[in-house]
């Protein structure tokens, strides 16, 4: 069981690294942007107990950017 969980964690880390690399290559972030994003992410993980929803984050982002009330 431990080996299976370790294998899954490794695969997830590889995918996260790929995603992080793609995003970093696509956008330029300031140090302040990174600090703000990290603080926001820590709050989100604490509030959701680690149950992050991509769809919910997209909806919140659109709502914040455009005043969308979906």
PDB file of N, CA and C in Angstrom:
ATOM      1  N   UNK A   1       0.825  -1.192   0.000  1.00  0.00           N
ATOM      2  CA  UNK A   1       0.000   0.000   0.000  1.00  0.00           C
ATOM      3  C   UNK A   1       0.875   1.265   0.000  1.00  0.00           C
ATOM      4  N   UNK A   2       1.933   1.230   0.813  1.00  0.00           N
ATOM      5  CA  UNK A   2       2.818   2.389   0.900  1.00  0.00           C
ATOM      6  C   UNK A   2       3.490   2.672  -0.438  1.00  0.00           C
ATOM      7  N   UNK A   3       3.948   1.633  -1.119  1.00  0.00           N
ATOM      8  CA  UNK A   3       4.582   1.816  -2.432  1.00  0.00           C
ATOM      9  C   UNK A   3       3.596   2.377  -3.449  1.00  0.00           C
ATOM     10  N   UNK A   4       2.354   1.922  -3.394  1.00  0.00           N
ATOM     11  CA  UNK A   4       1.328   2.407  -4.314  1.00  0.00           C
ATOM     12  C   UNK A   4       1.075   3.898  -4.082  1.00  0.00           C
ATOM     13  N   UNK A   5       0.935   4.302  -2.822  1.00  0.00           N
ATOM     14  CA  UNK A   5       0.710   5.717  -2.507  1.00  0.00           C
ATOM     15  C   UNK A   5       1.915   6.564  -2.897  1.00  0.00           C
ATOM     16  N   UNK A   6       3.125   6.045  -2.672  1.00  0.00           N
ATOM     17  CA  UNK A   6       4.330   6.779  -3.055  1.00  0.00           C
ATOM     18  C   UNK A   6       4.386   6.955  -4.570  1.00  0.00           C
ATOM     19  N   UNK A   7       4.005   5.924  -5.312  1.00  0.00           N
ATOM     20  CA  UNK A   7       3.994   6.002  -6.768  1.00  0.00           C
ATOM     21  C   UNK A   7       2.989   7.039  -7.254  1.00  0.00           C
ATOM     22  N   UNK A   8       1.817   7.060  -6.649  1.00  0.00           N
ATOM     23  CA  UNK A   8       0.801   8.051  -7.018  1.00  0.00           C
ATOM     24  C   UNK A   8       1.270   9.475  -6.696  1.00  0.00           C
ATOM     25  N   UNK A   9       1.884   9.649  -5.539  1.00  0.00           N
ATOM     26  CA  UNK A   9       2.389  10.972  -5.157  1.00  0.00           C
ATOM     27  C   UNK A   9       3.471  11.435  -6.130  1.00  0.00           C
ATOM     28  N   UNK A  10       4.340  10.522  -6.550  1.00  0.00           N
ATOM     29  CA  UNK A  10       5.396  10.857  -7.505  1.00  0.00           C
ATOM     30  C   UNK A  10       4.795  11.290  -8.838  1.00  0.00           C
ATOM     31  N   UNK A  11       3.827  10.533  -9.329  1.00  0.00           N
ATOM     32  CA  UNK A  11       3.186  10.873 -10.607  1.00  0.00           C
ATOM     33  C   UNK A  11       2.489  12.220 -10.518  1.00  0.00           C
ATOM     34  N   UNK A  12       1.839  12.480  -9.394  1.00  0.00           N
ATOM     35  CA  UNK A  12       1.159  13.756  -9.213  1.00  0.00           C
ATOM     36  C   UNK A  12       2.174  14.905  -9.181  1.00  0.00           C
ATOM     37  N   UNK A  13       3.309  14.687  -8.528  1.00  0.00           N
ATOM     38  CA  UNK A  13       4.346  15.715  -8.475  1.00  0.00           C
ATOM     39  C   UNK A  13       4.897  16.014  -9.862  1.00  0.00           C
ATOM     40  N   UNK A  14       5.067  14.992 -10.694  1.00  0.00           N
ATOM     41  CA  UNK A  14       5.548  15.193 -12.068  1.00  0.00           C
ATOM     42  C   UNK A  14       4.533  16.035 -12.848  1.00  0.00           C
ATOM     43  N   UNK A  15       3.259  15.697 -12.730  1.00  0.00           N
ATOM     44  CA  UNK A  15       2.223  16.455 -13.439  1.00  0.00           C
ATOM     45  C   UNK A  15       2.178  17.905 -12.963  1.00  0.00           C
ATOM     46  N   UNK A  16       2.297  18.119 -11.662  1.00  0.00           N
ATOM     47  CA  UNK A  16       2.284  19.467 -11.112  1.00  0.00           C
ATOM     48  C   UNK A  16       3.495  20.261 -11.604  1.00  0.00           C
ATOM     49  N   UNK A  17       4.655  19.608 -11.669  1.00  0.00           N
ATOM     50  CA  UNK A  17       5.841  20.275 -12.170  1.00  0.00           C
ATOM     51  C   UNK A  17       5.679  20.663 -13.634  1.00  0.00           C
ATOM     52  N   UNK A  18       5.084  19.777 -14.429  1.00  0.00           N
ATOM     53  CA  UNK A  18       4.836  20.094 -15.834  1.00  0.00           C
ATOM     54  C   UNK A  18       3.918  21.310 -15.957  1.00  0.00           C
ATOM     55  N   UNK A  19       2.845  21.302 -15.214  1.00  0.00           N
ATOM     56  CA  UNK A  19       1.895  22.411 -15.243  1.00  0.00           C
ATOM     57  C   UNK A  19       2.558  23.710 -14.798  1.00  0.00           C
ATOM     58  N   UNK A  20       3.328  23.641 -13.726  1.00  0.00           N
ATOM     59  CA  UNK A  20       4.023  24.832 -13.229  1.00  0.00           C
ATOM     60  C   UNK A  20       4.984  25.383 -14.268  1.00  0.00           C
ATOM     61  N   UNK A  21       5.706  24.497 -14.942  1.00  0.00           N
ATOM     62  CA  UNK A  21       6.638  24.933 -15.975  1.00  0.00           C
ATOM     63  C   UNK A  21       5.937  25.601 -17.139  1.00  0.00           C
ATOM     64  N   UNK A  22       4.821  25.025 -17.561  1.00  0.00           N
ATOM     65  CA  UNK A  22       4.047  25.611 -18.667  1.00  0.00           C
ATOM     66  C   UNK A  22       3.553  26.998 -18.293  1.00  0.00           C
ATOM     67  N   UNK A  23       3.010  27.138 -17.107  1.00  0.00           N
ATOM     68  CA  UNK A  23       2.486  28.439 -16.661  1.00  0.00           C
ATOM     69  C   UNK A  23       3.615  29.450 -16.530  1.00  0.00           C
ATOM     70  N   UNK A  24       4.730  29.052 -15.915  1.00  0.00           N
ATOM     71  CA  UNK A  24       5.857  29.974 -15.743  1.00  0.00           C
ATOM     72  C   UNK A  24       6.416  30.425 -17.081  1.00  0.00           C
ATOM     73  N   UNK A  25       6.447  29.517 -18.065  1.00  0.00           N
ATOM     74  CA  UNK A  25       6.942  29.876 -19.395  1.00  0.00           C
ATOM     75  C   UNK A  25       5.973  30.792 -20.144  1.00  0.00           C
ATOM     76  N   UNK A  26       4.692  30.726 -19.802  1.00  0.00           N
ATOM     77  CA  UNK A  26       3.668  31.466 -20.533  1.00  0.00           C
ATOM     78  C   UNK A  26       3.413  32.868 -19.984  1.00  0.00           C
ATOM     79  N   UNK A  27       3.683  33.074 -18.716  1.00  0.00           N
ATOM     80  CA  UNK A  27       3.367  34.346 -18.073  1.00  0.00           C
ATOM     81  C   UNK A  27       4.574  34.856 -17.312  1.00  0.00           C
ATOM     82  N   UNK A  28       4.615  36.159 -17.124  1.00  0.00           N
ATOM     83  CA  UNK A  28       5.658  36.760 -16.299  1.00  0.00           C
ATOM     84  C   UNK A  28       5.011  37.251 -15.014  1.00  0.00           C
ATOM     85  N   UNK A  29       5.493  36.734 -13.894  1.00  0.00           N
ATOM     86  CA  UNK A  29       4.941  37.102 -12.596  1.00  0.00           C
ATOM     87  C   UNK A  29       5.984  37.874 -11.803  1.00  0.00           C
ATOM     88  N   UNK A  30       5.535  38.897 -11.114  1.00  0.00           N
ATOM     89  CA  UNK A  30       6.430  39.630 -10.222  1.00  0.00           C
ATOM     90  C   UNK A  30       6.520  38.874  -8.891  1.00  0.00           C
ATOM     91  N   UNK A  31       7.495  39.253  -8.093  1.00  0.00           N
ATOM     92  CA  UNK A  31       7.618  38.637  -6.760  1.00  0.00           C
ATOM     93  C   UNK A  31       6.354  38.886  -5.944  1.00  0.00           C
ATOM     94  N   UNK A  32       5.780  40.071  -6.076  1.00  0.00           N
ATOM     95  CA  UNK A  32       4.541  40.387  -5.354  1.00  0.00           C
ATOM     96  C   UNK A  32       3.396  39.507  -5.831  1.00  0.00           C
ATOM     97  N   UNK A  33       3.294  39.279  -7.141  1.00  0.00           N
ATOM     98  CA  UNK A  33       2.266  38.373  -7.675  1.00  0.00           C
ATOM     99  C   UNK A  33       2.395  36.990  -7.056  1.00  0.00           C
ATOM    100  N   UNK A  34       3.633  36.492  -6.969  1.00  0.00           N
ATOM    101  CA  UNK A  34       3.862  35.154  -6.407  1.00  0.00           C
ATOM    102  C   UNK A  34       3.505  35.096  -4.926  1.00  0.00           C
ATOM    103  N   UNK A  35       3.879  36.128  -4.168  1.00  0.00           N
ATOM    104  CA  UNK A  35       3.528  36.160  -2.730  1.00  0.00           C
ATOM    105  C   UNK A  35       2.017  36.181  -2.537  1.00  0.00           C
ATOM    106  N   UNK A  36       1.339  37.014  -3.336  1.00  0.00           N
ATOM    107  CA  UNK A  36      -0.111  37.120  -3.225  1.00  0.00           C
ATOM    108  C   UNK A  36      -0.782  35.798  -3.579  1.00  0.00           C
ATOM    109  N   UNK A  37      -0.325  35.161  -4.650  1.00  0.00           N
ATOM    110  CA  UNK A  37      -0.903  33.889  -5.098  1.00  0.00           C
ATOM    111  C   UNK A  37      -0.698  32.790  -4.056  1.00  0.00           C
ATOM    112  N   UNK A  38       0.518  32.751  -3.461  1.00  0.00           N
ATOM    113  CA  UNK A  38       0.787  31.728  -2.448  1.00  0.00           C
ATOM    114  C   UNK A  38      -0.126  31.912  -1.243  1.00  0.00           C
ATOM    115  N   UNK A  39      -0.280  33.159  -0.786  1.00  0.00           N
ATOM    116  CA  UNK A  39      -1.154  33.433   0.363  1.00  0.00           C
ATOM    117  C   UNK A  39      -2.594  33.033   0.039  1.00  0.00           C
ATOM    118  N   UNK A  40      -3.042  33.355  -1.157  1.00  0.00           N
ATOM    119  CA  UNK A  40      -4.395  32.986  -1.572  1.00  0.00           C
ATOM    120  C   UNK A  40      -4.561  31.465  -1.630  1.00  0.00           C
ATOM    121  N   UNK A  41      -3.557  30.787  -2.156  1.00  0.00           N
ATOM    122  CA  UNK A  41      -3.627  29.329  -2.264  1.00  0.00           C
ATOM    123  C   UNK A  41      -3.641  28.666  -0.891  1.00  0.00           C
ATOM    124  N   UNK A  42      -2.841  29.173   0.032  1.00  0.00           N
ATOM    125  CA  UNK A  42      -2.851  28.623   1.398  1.00  0.00           C
ATOM    126  C   UNK A  42      -4.230  28.800   2.020  1.00  0.00           C
ATOM    127  N   UNK A  43      -4.821  29.987   1.867  1.00  0.00           N
ATOM    128  CA  UNK A  43      -6.177  30.224   2.389  1.00  0.00           C
ATOM    129  C   UNK A  43      -7.182  29.262   1.764  1.00  0.00           C
ATOM    130  N   UNK A  44      -7.107  29.090   0.435  1.00  0.00           N
ATOM    131  CA  UNK A  44      -8.057  28.215  -0.253  1.00  0.00           C
ATOM    132  C   UNK A  44      -7.947  26.771   0.222  1.00  0.00           C
ATOM    133  N   UNK A  45      -6.730  26.278   0.375  1.00  0.00           N
ATOM    134  CA  UNK A  45      -6.539  24.892   0.815  1.00  0.00           C
ATOM    135  C   UNK A  45      -7.056  24.714   2.240  1.00  0.00           C
ATOM    136  N   UNK A  46      -6.785  25.691   3.105  1.00  0.00           N
ATOM    137  CA  UNK A  46      -7.280  25.608   4.487  1.00  0.00           C
ATOM    138  C   UNK A  46      -8.813  25.631   4.524  1.00  0.00           C
ATOM    139  N   UNK A  47      -9.412  26.533   3.754  1.00  0.00           N
ATOM    140  CA  UNK A  47     -10.867  26.674   3.766  1.00  0.00           C
ATOM    141  C   UNK A  47     -11.583  25.466   3.176  1.00  0.00           C
ATOM    142  N   UNK A  48     -10.965  24.815   2.199  1.00  0.00           N
ATOM    143  CA  UNK A  48     -11.623  23.695   1.527  1.00  0.00           C
ATOM    144  C   UNK A  48     -11.130  22.346   2.024  1.00  0.00           C
ATOM    145  N   UNK A  49     -10.218  22.381   3.010  1.00  0.00           N
ATOM    146  CA  UNK A  49      -9.646  21.138   3.530  1.00  0.00           C
ATOM    147  C   UNK A  49      -8.938  20.354   2.424  1.00  0.00           C
ATOM    148  N   UNK A  50      -8.379  21.075   1.461  1.00  0.00           N
ATOM    149  CA  UNK A  50      -7.622  20.457   0.381  1.00  0.00           C
ATOM    150  C   UNK A  50      -8.455  19.968  -0.784  1.00  0.00           C
ATOM    151  N   UNK A  51      -9.734  20.220  -0.771  1.00  0.00           N
ATOM    152  CA  UNK A  51     -10.605  19.783  -1.866  1.00  0.00           C
ATOM    153  C   UNK A  51     -10.796  20.929  -2.859  1.00  0.00           C
ATOM    154  N   UNK A  52      -9.827  21.063  -3.726  1.00  0.00           N
ATOM    155  CA  UNK A  52      -9.801  22.166  -4.684  1.00  0.00           C
ATOM    156  C   UNK A  52     -10.551  21.758  -5.951  1.00  0.00           C
ATOM    157  N   UNK A  53     -11.382  22.673  -6.447  1.00  0.00           N
ATOM    158  CA  UNK A  53     -12.145  22.429  -7.664  1.00  0.00           C
ATOM    159  C   UNK A  53     -11.699  23.427  -8.734  1.00  0.00           C
ATOM    160  N   UNK A  54     -11.186  22.898  -9.844  1.00  0.00           N
ATOM    161  CA  UNK A  54     -10.777  23.756 -10.950  1.00  0.00           C
ATOM    162  C   UNK A  54     -11.947  24.601 -11.443  1.00  0.00           C
ATOM    163  N   UNK A  55     -13.098  23.971 -11.603  1.00  0.00           N
ATOM    164  CA  UNK A  55     -14.272  24.685 -12.100  1.00  0.00           C
ATOM    165  C   UNK A  55     -14.659  25.836 -11.174  1.00  0.00           C
ATOM    166  N   UNK A  56     -14.613  25.599  -9.876  1.00  0.00           N
ATOM    167  CA  UNK A  56     -14.952  26.655  -8.917  1.00  0.00           C
ATOM    168  C   UNK A  56     -13.953  27.801  -9.013  1.00  0.00           C
ATOM    169  N   UNK A  57     -12.659  27.477  -9.147  1.00  0.00           N
ATOM    170  CA  UNK A  57     -11.649  28.525  -9.257  1.00  0.00           C
ATOM    171  C   UNK A  57     -11.842  29.344 -10.527  1.00  0.00           C
ATOM    172  N   UNK A  58     -12.194  28.690 -11.637  1.00  0.00           N
ATOM    173  CA  UNK A  58     -12.435  29.416 -12.889  1.00  0.00           C
ATOM    174  C   UNK A  58     -13.624  30.350 -12.722  1.00  0.00           C
ATOM    175  N   UNK A  59     -14.693  29.835 -12.157  1.00  0.00           N
ATOM    176  CA  UNK A  59     -15.885  30.676 -11.950  1.00  0.00           C
ATOM    177  C   UNK A  59     -15.570  31.885 -11.070  1.00  0.00           C
ATOM    178  N   UNK A  60     -14.805  31.674 -10.001  1.00  0.00           N
ATOM    179  CA  UNK A  60     -14.439  32.780  -9.119  1.00  0.00           C
ATOM    180  C   UNK A  60     -13.555  33.788  -9.840  1.00  0.00           C
ATOM    181  N   UNK A  61     -12.647  33.300 -10.666  1.00  0.00           N
ATOM    182  CA  UNK A  61     -11.759  34.182 -11.414  1.00  0.00           C
ATOM    183  C   UNK A  61     -12.546  35.036 -12.401  1.00  0.00           C
ATOM    184  N   UNK A  62     -13.458  34.413 -13.112  1.00  0.00           N
ATOM    185  CA  UNK A  62     -14.287  35.146 -14.076  1.00  0.00           C
ATOM    186  C   UNK A  62     -15.152  36.158 -13.345  1.00  0.00           C
ATOM    187  N   UNK A  63     -15.728  35.750 -12.229  1.00  0.00           N
ATOM    188  CA  UNK A  63     -16.573  36.644 -11.438  1.00  0.00           C
ATOM    189  C   UNK A  63     -15.772  37.846 -10.952  1.00  0.00           C
ATOM    190  N   UNK A  64     -14.550  37.618 -10.459  1.00  0.00           N
ATOM    191  CA  UNK A  64     -13.702  38.708  -9.976  1.00  0.00           C
ATOM    192  C   UNK A  64     -13.277  39.643 -11.095  1.00  0.00           C
ATOM    193  N   UNK A  65     -12.986  39.081 -12.287  1.00  0.00           N
ATOM    194  CA  UNK A  65     -12.484  39.885 -13.398  1.00  0.00           C
ATOM    195  C   UNK A  65     -13.564  40.669 -14.115  1.00  0.00           C
ATOM    196  N   UNK A  66     -14.745  40.091 -14.264  1.00  0.00           N
ATOM    197  CA  UNK A  66     -15.767  40.691 -15.116  1.00  0.00           C
ATOM    198  C   UNK A  66     -17.042  41.088 -14.388  1.00  0.00           C
ATOM    199  N   UNK A  67     -17.096  40.882 -13.102  1.00  0.00           N
ATOM    200  CA  UNK A  67     -18.334  41.158 -12.399  1.00  0.00           C
ATOM    201  C   UNK A  67     -19.403  40.133 -12.686  1.00  0.00           C
ATOM    202  N   UNK A  68     -19.004  38.960 -13.203  1.00  0.00           N
ATOM    203  CA  UNK A  68     -19.934  37.880 -13.555  1.00  0.00           C
ATOM    204  C   UNK A  68     -20.656  37.406 -12.310  1.00  0.00           C
ATOM    205  N   UNK A  69     -21.916  37.146 -12.407  1.00  0.00           N
ATOM    206  CA  UNK A  69     -22.706  36.720 -11.255  1.00  0.00           C
ATOM    207  C   UNK A  69     -23.262  35.322 -11.416  1.00  0.00           C
ATOM    208  N   UNK A  70     -22.577  34.433 -12.204  1.00  0.00           N
ATOM    209  CA  UNK A  70     -23.031  33.078 -12.486  1.00  0.00           C
ATOM    210  C   UNK A  70     -23.310  32.300 -11.336  1.00  0.00           C
TER     211      UNK A  70
END
